[in-house]
C-alpha atoms as a PDB file:
ATOM      1  CA  MET A   1    -162.255 -94.589  97.693  1.00  0.00           C
ATOM      2  CA  SER A   2    -160.015 -97.624  97.792  1.00  0.00           C
ATOM      3  CA  GLN A   3    -161.218 -98.355 101.298  1.00  0.00           C
ATOM      4  CA  ALA A   4    -164.781 -98.623 100.026  1.00  0.00           C
ATOM      5  CA  THR A   5    -163.839-101.492  97.675  1.00  0.00           C
ATOM      6  CA  GLY A   6    -161.877-103.269 100.327  1.00  0.00           C
ATOM      7  CA  PHE A   7    -158.623-102.976  98.401  1.00  0.00           C
ATOM      8  CA  SER A   8    -155.814-100.869  99.695  1.00  0.00           C
ATOM      9  CA  PRO A   9    -152.441-101.838  98.239  1.00  0.00           C
ATOM     10  CA  ASN A  10    -149.471-100.579 100.091  1.00  0.00           C
ATOM     11  CA  ALA A  11    -146.144 -99.615  98.529  1.00  0.00           C
ATOM     12  CA  SER A  12    -144.315-102.849  99.395  1.00  0.00           C
ATOM     13  CA  GLU A  13    -147.013-105.003  97.795  1.00  0.00           C
ATOM     14  CA  THR A  14    -146.961-102.839  94.688  1.00  0.00           C
ATOM     15  CA  ARG A  15    -143.164-103.080  94.503  1.00  0.00           C
ATOM     16  CA  ARG A  16    -143.268-106.856  94.973  1.00  0.00           C
ATOM     17  CA  SER A  17    -145.956-107.210  92.294  1.00  0.00           C
ATOM     18  CA  THR A  18    -143.945-105.018  89.915  1.00  0.00           C
ATOM     19  CA  GLU A  19    -140.798-107.076  90.518  1.00  0.00           C
ATOM     20  CA  ASP A  20    -142.731-110.315  89.952  1.00  0.00           C
ATOM     21  CA  MET A  21    -144.080-108.957  86.665  1.00  0.00           C
ATOM     22  CA  LYS A  22    -140.596-107.866  85.558  1.00  0.00           C
ATOM     23  CA  GLN A  23    -139.198-111.296  86.424  1.00  0.00           C
ATOM     24  CA  LYS A  24    -141.996-113.064  84.546  1.00  0.00           C
ATOM     25  CA  ALA A  25    -141.506-110.749  81.559  1.00  0.00           C
ATOM     26  CA  THR A  26    -137.782-111.568  81.573  1.00  0.00           C
ATOM     27  CA  GLU A  27    -138.572-115.304  81.716  1.00  0.00           C
ATOM     28  CA  ILE A  28    -141.042-114.978  78.849  1.00  0.00           C
ATOM     29  CA  LYS A  29    -138.479-113.047  76.820  1.00  0.00           C
ATOM     30  CA  GLN A  30    -135.868-115.750  77.432  1.00  0.00           C
ATOM     31  CA  ASN A  31    -138.363-118.480  76.521  1.00  0.00           C
ATOM     32  CA  VAL A  32    -139.286-116.682  73.299  1.00  0.00           C
ATOM     33  CA  GLN A  33    -135.611-116.229  72.413  1.00  0.00           C
ATOM     34  CA  GLU A  34    -134.932-119.899  73.115  1.00  0.00           C
ATOM     35  CA  LEU A  35    -137.906-120.969  71.000  1.00  0.00           C
ATOM     36  CA  GLY A  36    -136.740-118.708  68.208  1.00  0.00           C
ATOM     37  CA  SER A  37    -133.287-120.228  68.367  1.00  0.00           C
ATOM     38  CA  GLN A  38    -134.740-123.731  68.291  1.00  0.00           C
ATOM     39  CA  ALA A  39    -136.919-122.811  65.312  1.00  0.00           C
ATOM     40  CA  ARG A  40    -133.902-121.393  63.438  1.00  0.00           C
ATOM     41  CA  ASN A  41    -131.900-124.525  64.139  1.00  0.00           C
ATOM     42  CA  ALA A  42    -134.762-126.769  63.009  1.00  0.00           C
ATOM     43  CA  ALA A  43    -135.162-124.701  59.816  1.00  0.00           C
ATOM     44  CA  ARG A  44    -131.420-124.919  59.093  1.00  0.00           C
ATOM     45  CA  GLU A  45    -131.570-128.668  59.612  1.00  0.00           C
ATOM     46  CA  GLN A  46    -134.495-128.998  57.221  1.00  0.00           C
ATOM     47  CA  VAL A  47    -132.722-126.882  54.603  1.00  0.00           C
ATOM     48  CA  GLU A  48    -129.644-129.093  54.866  1.00  0.00           C
ATOM     49  CA  ASN A  49    -131.791-132.218  54.561  1.00  0.00           C
ATOM     50  CA  LEU A  50    -133.472-130.776  51.467  1.00  0.00           C
ATOM     51  CA  LYS A  51    -130.107-129.903  49.947  1.00  0.00           C
ATOM     52  CA  ASP A  52    -128.840-133.430  50.582  1.00  0.00           C
ATOM     53  CA  THR A  53    -131.958-134.984  49.094  1.00  0.00           C
ATOM     54  CA  ALA A  54    -131.814-132.705  46.051  1.00  0.00           C
ATOM     55  CA  GLY A  55    -128.149-133.608  45.584  1.00  0.00           C
ATOM     56  CA  GLN A  56    -128.993-137.298  45.697  1.00  0.00           C
ATOM     57  CA  TYR A  57    -131.703-136.858  43.089  1.00  0.00           C
ATOM     58  CA  MET A  58    -129.329-134.870  40.899  1.00  0.00           C
ATOM     59  CA  ASP A  59    -126.729-137.632  41.136  1.00  0.00           C
ATOM     60  CA  GLN A  60    -129.313-140.285  40.280  1.00  0.00           C
ATOM     61  CA  GLY A  61    -130.478-138.204  37.325  1.00  0.00           C
ATOM     62  CA  ARG A  62    -126.926-137.829  36.038  1.00  0.00           C
ATOM     63  CA  GLU A  63    -126.344-141.566  36.361  1.00  0.00           C
ATOM     64  CA  GLN A  64    -129.526-142.316  34.433  1.00  0.00           C
ATOM     65  CA  ILE A  65    -128.612-139.825  31.726  1.00  0.00           C
ATOM     66  CA  GLU A  66    -125.173-141.415  31.371  1.00  0.00           C
ATOM     67  CA  ALA A  67    -126.751-144.873  31.159  1.00  0.00           C
ATOM     68  CA  LEU A  68    -129.182-143.662  28.486  1.00  0.00           C
ATOM     69  CA  ARG A  69    -126.373-141.971  26.589  1.00  0.00           C
ATOM     70  CA  GLY A  70    -124.406-145.214  26.595  1.00  0.00           C
ATOM     71  CA  THR A  71    -127.448-147.179  25.411  1.00  0.00           C
ATOM     72  CA  ALA A  72    -128.147-144.637  22.647  1.00  0.00           C
ATOM     73  CA  GLU A  73    -124.538-144.813  21.490  1.00  0.00           C
ATOM     74  CA  ASP A  74    -124.788-148.613  21.382  1.00  0.00           C
ATOM     75  CA  TYR A  75    -127.952-148.409  19.257  1.00  0.00           C
ATOM     76  CA  ILE A  76    -126.351-145.900  16.917  1.00  0.00           C
ATOM     77  CA  GLU A  77    -123.335-148.150  16.471  1.00  0.00           C
ATOM     78  CA  GLN A  78    -125.568-151.166  15.834  1.00  0.00           C
ATOM     79  CA  GLY A  79    -127.487-149.145  13.237  1.00  0.00           C
ATOM     80  CA  ARG A  80    -124.246-148.172  11.500  1.00  0.00           C
ATOM     81  CA  GLN A  81    -123.101-151.767  11.414  1.00  0.00           C
ATOM     82  CA  ARG A  82    -126.439-152.920   9.953  1.00  0.00           C
ATOM     83  CA  ALA A  83    -126.324-150.167   7.328  1.00  0.00           C
ATOM     84  CA  ILE A  84    -122.807-151.222   6.346  1.00  0.00           C
ATOM     85  CA  GLU A  85    -123.893-154.876   6.166  1.00  0.00           C
ATOM     86  CA  MET A  86    -126.945-153.972   4.054  1.00  0.00           C
ATOM     87  CA  GLU A  87    -124.784-151.897   1.733  1.00  0.00           C
ATOM     88  CA  ARG A  88    -122.359-154.776   1.261  1.00  0.00           C
ATOM     89  CA  THR A  89    -125.200-157.253   0.714  1.00  0.00           C
ATOM     90  CA  LEU A  90    -126.874-154.978  -1.831  1.00  0.00           C
ATOM     91  CA  GLU A  91    -123.601-154.369  -3.604  1.00  0.00           C
ATOM     92  CA  SER A  92    -122.855-158.081  -3.817  1.00  0.00           C
ATOM     93  CA  GLN A  93    -126.374-158.775  -5.162  1.00  0.00           C
ATOM     94  CA  ILE A  94    -125.962-156.061  -7.803  1.00  0.00           C
ATOM     95  CA  ARG A  95    -122.602-157.536  -8.843  1.00  0.00           C
ATOM     96  CA  ALA A  96    -124.075-161.028  -8.955  1.00  0.00           C
ATOM     97  CA  GLN A  97    -127.176-160.023 -11.012  1.00  0.00           C
ATOM     98  CA  PRO A  98    -126.561-156.655 -12.695  1.00  0.00           C
ATOM     99  CA  LEU A  99    -129.390-156.975 -15.243  1.00  0.00           C
ATOM    100  CA  ARG A 100    -131.975-157.716 -12.565  1.00  0.00           C
ATOM    101  CA  ALA A 101    -130.736-154.772 -10.446  1.00  0.00           C
ATOM    102  CA  MET A 102    -130.964-152.431 -13.441  1.00  0.00           C
ATOM    103  CA  LEU A 103    -134.525-153.554 -14.255  1.00  0.00           C
ATOM    104  CA  ILE A 104    -135.600-153.093 -10.627  1.00  0.00           C
ATOM    105  CA  ALA A 105    -134.071-149.600 -10.560  1.00  0.00           C
ATOM    106  CA  ALA A 106    -135.826-148.713 -13.828  1.00  0.00           C
ATOM    107  CA  GLY A 107    -139.147-149.967 -12.460  1.00  0.00           C
ATOM    108  CA  VAL A 108    -138.771-147.950  -9.278  1.00  0.00           C
ATOM    109  CA  GLY A 109    -137.880-144.882 -11.336  1.00  0.00           C
ATOM    110  CA  LEU A 110    -140.902-145.392 -13.585  1.00  0.00           C
ATOM    111  CA  VAL A 111    -143.291-145.707 -10.624  1.00  0.00           C
ATOM    112  CA  ALA A 112    -141.786-142.631  -8.944  1.00  0.00           C
ATOM    113  CA  GLY A 113    -142.088-140.671 -12.219  1.00  0.00           C
ATOM    114  CA  VAL A 114    -145.722-141.619 -12.640  1.00  0.00           C
ATOM    115  CA  LEU A 115    -146.554-140.675  -9.073  1.00  0.00           C
ATOM    116  CA  LEU A 116    -144.796-137.327  -9.356  1.00  0.00           C
ATOM    117  CA  CYS A 117    -146.413-136.447 -12.684  1.00  0.00           C
ATOM    118  CA  ARG A 118    -149.911-137.032 -11.294  1.00  0.00           C
ATOM    119  CA  ARG A 119    -149.630-134.068  -9.012  1.00  0.00           C
END
């Protein structure tokens, strides 16, 4: 039947074709393994780059937090100093004009009492 189609492979051609296919399969396997290795290496590199970048952002964040903490502490200290100054000023005004201070305090108390009784 093979003679009718014009194709009659002999054993040596079949062997040669089989060997060629095995060789090509081996080459493909090696190429796939090499590509896989390259992909793994590229992925590792990207992971390392991401880790480095994340570390840099973490460091920048820490620096900014420390700067904000320092600024907040400065504002708190300034607020304390102003409160102390206001206390001293108020105390000196009360000592200088005690009657006026007492009348102001009584007026504030009266207004607060009226507002609270309305409820």
